[in-house]
Amino acid sequence: MRNVVTNGRASVVVDVWSEDWSGLRYVLLEGTADVLESGAERDHAATLLEAKYPQYARLPLGDAPIIRVTVERRHEWSGAEDRP
């Protein structure tokens, strides 16, 4: 959180792992970031996260801050791209 507050930027990586390296892939999202500590947008994001991930039933988000990333750049890679 301190890093987001200090420089206002963040990156998000979503990847898929495979023992077959041709199945490896990722998407890297980079952009500006804000910490949402309260308000309707923060509460809505928390509700969506809690609905998607069952582990939040045991460890609820409560009033924890949430980072909002506004994507400016997107990079993708796939192991299949390196194959002839």
Protein backbone atom coordinates (compact mmCIF):
# COMPACT_ATOMS: atom_id res chain seq x y z
CA MET A 1 0.00 0.00 0.00
CA ARG A 2 2.79 2.40 0.83
CA ASN A 3 4.29 1.91 -2.63
CA VAL A 4 0.97 2.69 -4.34
CA VAL A 5 0.45 5.75 -2.18
CA THR A 6 4.05 6.90 -2.78
CA ASN A 7 4.30 6.51 -6.55
CA GLY A 8 0.69 6.04 -7.70
CA ARG A 9 1.48 3.13 -10.03
CA ALA A 10 0.91 -0.63 -9.97
CA SER A 11 1.17 -3.73 -12.13
CA VAL A 12 -1.05 -6.80 -12.19
CA VAL A 13 0.12 -10.14 -13.61
CA VAL A 14 -2.27 -12.93 -14.56
CA ASP A 15 -0.59 -16.13 -15.65
CA VAL A 16 -1.34 -19.69 -16.70
CA TRP A 17 1.15 -22.40 -15.75
CA SER A 18 1.67 -25.60 -17.69
CA GLU A 19 4.30 -28.34 -17.53
CA ASP A 20 4.22 -28.09 -21.33
CA TRP A 21 5.94 -24.74 -21.80
CA SER A 22 4.03 -24.09 -25.00
CA GLY A 23 0.99 -23.73 -22.71
CA LEU A 24 2.59 -20.98 -20.58
CA ARG A 25 1.12 -17.50 -20.95
CA TYR A 26 0.67 -14.26 -19.10
CA VAL A 27 -0.89 -10.84 -19.29
CA LEU A 28 0.81 -7.90 -17.54
CA LEU A 29 -1.30 -4.81 -16.88
CA GLU A 30 0.40 -1.56 -15.88
CA GLY A 31 -1.17 1.71 -14.88
CA THR A 32 -2.02 4.28 -12.29
CA ALA A 33 -3.25 3.10 -8.92
CA ASP A 34 -5.36 4.46 -6.10
CA VAL A 35 -6.06 3.07 -2.64
CA LEU A 36 -9.80 2.90 -1.93
CA GLU A 37 -10.25 3.04 1.83
CA SER A 38 -13.99 3.74 1.96
CA GLY A 39 -16.98 4.59 -0.17
CA ALA A 40 -19.39 2.92 -2.56
CA GLU A 41 -16.73 1.89 -5.11
CA ARG A 42 -14.57 0.25 -2.43
CA ASP A 43 -17.59 -1.54 -0.92
CA HIS A 44 -18.76 -2.76 -4.34
CA ALA A 45 -15.27 -4.10 -5.14
CA ALA A 46 -15.14 -5.91 -1.78
CA THR A 47 -18.57 -7.47 -2.43
CA LEU A 48 -17.44 -8.72 -5.86
CA LEU A 49 -14.21 -10.17 -4.44
CA GLU A 50 -16.04 -11.90 -1.57
CA ALA A 51 -18.57 -13.40 -4.04
CA LYS A 52 -15.82 -14.69 -6.35
CA TYR A 53 -13.38 -16.11 -3.80
CA PRO A 54 -14.81 -18.48 -1.15
CA GLN A 55 -11.81 -18.00 1.15
CA TYR A 56 -13.14 -14.55 2.02
CA ALA A 57 -16.01 -16.25 3.87
CA ARG A 58 -13.37 -17.36 6.42
CA LEU A 59 -11.28 -14.22 6.13
CA PRO A 60 -13.67 -11.37 5.25
CA LEU A 61 -12.29 -8.14 3.83
CA GLY A 62 -14.13 -6.05 6.40
CA ASP A 63 -12.93 -2.49 5.94
CA ALA A 64 -9.57 -3.42 4.36
CA PRO A 65 -8.39 -1.00 1.67
CA ILE A 66 -8.57 -2.09 -1.97
CA ILE A 67 -6.27 -1.01 -4.79
CA ARG A 68 -7.89 0.25 -8.00
CA VAL A 69 -5.65 0.06 -11.08
CA THR A 70 -6.48 2.12 -14.18
CA VAL A 71 -4.77 0.22 -16.97
CA GLU A 72 -2.56 2.23 -19.32
CA ARG A 73 -0.55 -0.60 -20.91
CA ARG A 74 -1.06 -4.28 -21.54
CA HIS A 75 1.65 -6.81 -22.39
CA GLU A 76 0.99 -10.44 -23.27
CA TRP A 77 3.18 -13.44 -23.89
CA SER A 78 2.55 -17.07 -24.74
CA GLY A 79 5.01 -19.95 -24.84
CA ALA A 80 3.30 -21.07 -28.04
CA GLU A 81 4.69 -17.93 -29.73
CA ASP A 82 8.23 -19.31 -29.39
CA ARG A 83 7.37 -22.51 -31.25
CA PRO A 84 7.75 -22.87 -35.01
